[in-house]
Amino acid sequence: MQQRVSLITLGVADVEIAKIFYQRLGWRVGLDVEETVLFQIGGSILALWSRDKLATDSGVIDGGSWGGITLAHNVGSPQEVDRVIDDARAAGARITREPAGTFYGGYAGVFVDPDGHPWEVAHNPGFELGDDGSLKLPPG
């Protein structure tokens, strides 16, 4: 697994309220689709998504101790997702979602590190992945 974070997802109570907050800070929405708001932040992306949906998607049981954040490591192919998840498993990670197709047409799996931080390993054919691992939203 390369040493980078491609996408940070904040689990929020109300996506619309969170979107308005970030817009008031001067942030420009890059994409607003399927109850998910995405902002381009340099070579990475910040996503706002329902905290409940994020917990379910990440396989996290939220007993109040989970911070509502999932880190994402985007890769170039479904096969690379499988490889990184296998490497994480071999390193001692708990796999909370085995790699599979996603609702957005990609392919992803999730592992949790020893301290409970969820990492989604994803191939998203709708995002441009640079040679350096930077992630770019499509023109909106």
Protein backbone atom coordinates (compact mmCIF):
# COMPACT_ATOMS: atom_id res chain seq x y z
CA MET A 1 0.00 0.00 0.00
CA GLN A 2 1.45 3.36 -1.02
CA GLN A 3 1.92 5.98 1.67
CA ARG A 4 -0.99 8.34 0.90
CA VAL A 5 -4.58 9.21 1.69
CA SER A 6 -6.75 9.77 -1.38
CA LEU A 7 -10.09 10.63 0.15
CA ILE A 8 -11.36 11.55 3.62
CA THR A 9 -15.03 10.92 4.37
CA LEU A 10 -16.64 12.78 7.25
CA GLY A 11 -19.70 11.06 8.68
CA VAL A 12 -22.18 13.84 9.36
CA ALA A 13 -25.59 14.06 11.02
CA ASP A 14 -27.12 16.09 8.16
CA VAL A 15 -25.38 16.23 4.77
CA GLU A 16 -27.19 19.40 3.64
CA ILE A 17 -26.34 21.33 6.82
CA ALA A 18 -22.70 20.19 6.59
CA LYS A 19 -22.56 21.19 2.91
CA ILE A 20 -23.88 24.67 3.69
CA PHE A 21 -21.34 25.03 6.51
CA TYR A 22 -18.39 24.26 4.21
CA GLN A 23 -19.80 26.51 1.50
CA ARG A 24 -20.01 29.34 4.05
CA LEU A 25 -16.30 28.76 4.69
CA GLY A 26 -15.75 29.46 1.00
CA TRP A 27 -15.41 25.87 -0.19
CA ARG A 28 -16.80 25.02 -3.64
CA VAL A 29 -18.74 21.79 -4.12
CA GLY A 30 -17.06 19.66 -6.78
CA LEU A 31 -19.81 17.06 -6.97
CA ASP A 32 -23.15 16.55 -5.21
CA VAL A 33 -24.59 13.13 -6.00
CA GLU A 34 -26.58 10.39 -4.22
CA GLU A 35 -26.62 12.13 -0.82
CA THR A 36 -22.84 12.62 -0.98
CA VAL A 37 -21.07 15.97 -1.28
CA LEU A 38 -17.47 16.03 -2.53
CA PHE A 39 -14.89 18.82 -2.40
CA GLN A 40 -11.56 18.83 -4.25
CA ILE A 41 -8.88 19.62 -1.65
CA GLY A 42 -5.55 19.80 -3.46
CA GLY A 43 -4.73 16.32 -4.76
CA SER A 44 -7.29 14.68 -2.49
CA ILE A 45 -11.04 14.74 -1.95
CA LEU A 46 -13.14 15.45 1.13
CA ALA A 47 -16.55 13.75 1.17
CA LEU A 48 -19.57 14.46 3.38
CA TRP A 49 -21.89 11.48 3.88
CA SER A 50 -24.46 10.32 6.42
CA ARG A 51 -22.72 9.14 9.59
CA ASP A 52 -25.10 6.15 9.83
CA LYS A 53 -24.51 5.13 6.21
CA LEU A 54 -20.75 5.54 6.63
CA ALA A 55 -20.73 3.37 9.75
CA THR A 56 -22.72 0.66 7.96
CA ASP A 57 -20.60 0.90 4.80
CA SER A 58 -17.36 0.69 6.81
CA GLY A 59 -18.54 -2.18 9.00
CA VAL A 60 -18.08 -0.09 12.15
CA ILE A 61 -20.36 -0.51 15.13
CA ASP A 62 -20.74 3.03 16.44
CA GLY A 63 -21.05 2.83 20.19
CA GLY A 64 -20.10 6.49 20.51
CA SER A 65 -16.34 5.98 20.34
CA TRP A 66 -15.96 6.03 16.56
CA GLY A 67 -14.95 9.45 15.25
CA GLY A 68 -17.11 9.27 12.14
CA ILE A 69 -14.17 9.40 9.73
CA THR A 70 -13.10 6.86 7.12
CA LEU A 71 -9.83 7.19 5.23
CA ALA A 72 -9.71 6.02 1.63
CA HIS A 73 -6.82 4.73 -0.44
CA ASN A 74 -7.75 4.78 -4.12
CA VAL A 75 -6.04 2.44 -6.56
CA GLY A 76 -6.04 1.84 -10.31
CA SER A 77 -7.93 -1.45 -10.60
CA PRO A 78 -10.17 -3.96 -8.81
CA GLN A 79 -7.24 -6.39 -8.75
CA GLU A 80 -5.18 -3.82 -6.85
CA VAL A 81 -8.03 -3.46 -4.32
CA ASP A 82 -7.88 -7.23 -3.75
CA ARG A 83 -4.09 -7.13 -3.36
CA VAL A 84 -4.10 -4.28 -0.83
CA ILE A 85 -6.90 -5.89 1.22
CA ASP A 86 -4.95 -9.17 1.22
CA ASP A 87 -1.79 -7.31 2.32
CA ALA A 88 -3.76 -5.60 5.11
CA ARG A 89 -5.20 -8.94 6.24
CA ALA A 90 -1.69 -10.43 6.31
CA ALA A 91 -0.49 -7.45 8.36
CA GLY A 92 -3.15 -8.15 11.01
CA ALA A 93 -5.97 -5.83 9.93
CA ARG A 94 -9.59 -6.81 10.53
CA ILE A 95 -11.50 -6.85 7.24
CA THR A 96 -14.93 -5.29 7.81
CA ARG A 97 -16.04 -5.37 4.18
CA GLU A 98 -14.61 -7.83 1.71
CA PRO A 99 -13.88 -6.35 -1.73
CA ALA A 100 -16.96 -6.15 -3.94
CA GLY A 101 -18.76 -3.95 -6.43
CA THR A 102 -20.08 -0.65 -5.11
CA PHE A 103 -23.27 1.36 -5.60
CA TYR A 104 -21.28 3.95 -7.61
CA GLY A 105 -19.94 1.45 -10.14
CA GLY A 106 -16.56 0.94 -8.54
CA TYR A 107 -14.99 -1.80 -6.45
CA ALA A 108 -13.92 -1.51 -2.82
CA GLY A 109 -13.19 -3.22 0.47
CA VAL A 110 -12.59 -1.92 4.00
CA PHE A 111 -10.06 -2.88 6.64
CA VAL A 112 -9.72 -1.57 10.18
CA ASP A 113 -6.30 -0.91 11.68
CA PRO A 114 -5.40 -2.10 15.21
CA ASP A 115 -6.76 1.15 16.72
CA GLY A 116 -10.12 0.90 14.94
CA HIS A 117 -9.54 3.36 12.09
CA PRO A 118 -11.38 2.21 8.95
CA TRP A 119 -9.57 2.37 5.61
CA GLU A 120 -11.55 1.94 2.40
CA VAL A 121 -9.45 0.62 -0.48
CA ALA A 122 -11.29 1.65 -3.63
CA HIS A 123 -11.17 1.64 -7.38
CA ASN A 124 -13.51 4.37 -8.65
CA PRO A 125 -13.55 4.56 -12.45
CA GLY A 126 -15.29 7.96 -12.22
CA PHE A 127 -12.30 9.66 -10.56
CA GLU A 128 -9.00 10.43 -12.24
CA LEU A 129 -6.08 8.85 -10.37
CA GLY A 130 -2.75 10.50 -11.12
CA ASP A 131 0.56 8.65 -11.36
CA ASP A 132 1.48 10.21 -8.00
CA GLY A 133 -1.72 8.90 -6.37
CA SER A 134 -3.51 12.24 -6.47
CA LEU A 135 -7.25 12.04 -6.94
CA LYS A 136 -9.32 14.44 -9.07
CA LEU A 137 -13.06 14.91 -9.30
CA PRO A 138 -14.56 14.83 -12.78
CA PRO A 139 -15.55 18.22 -14.22
CA GLY A 140 -18.86 19.22 -12.69
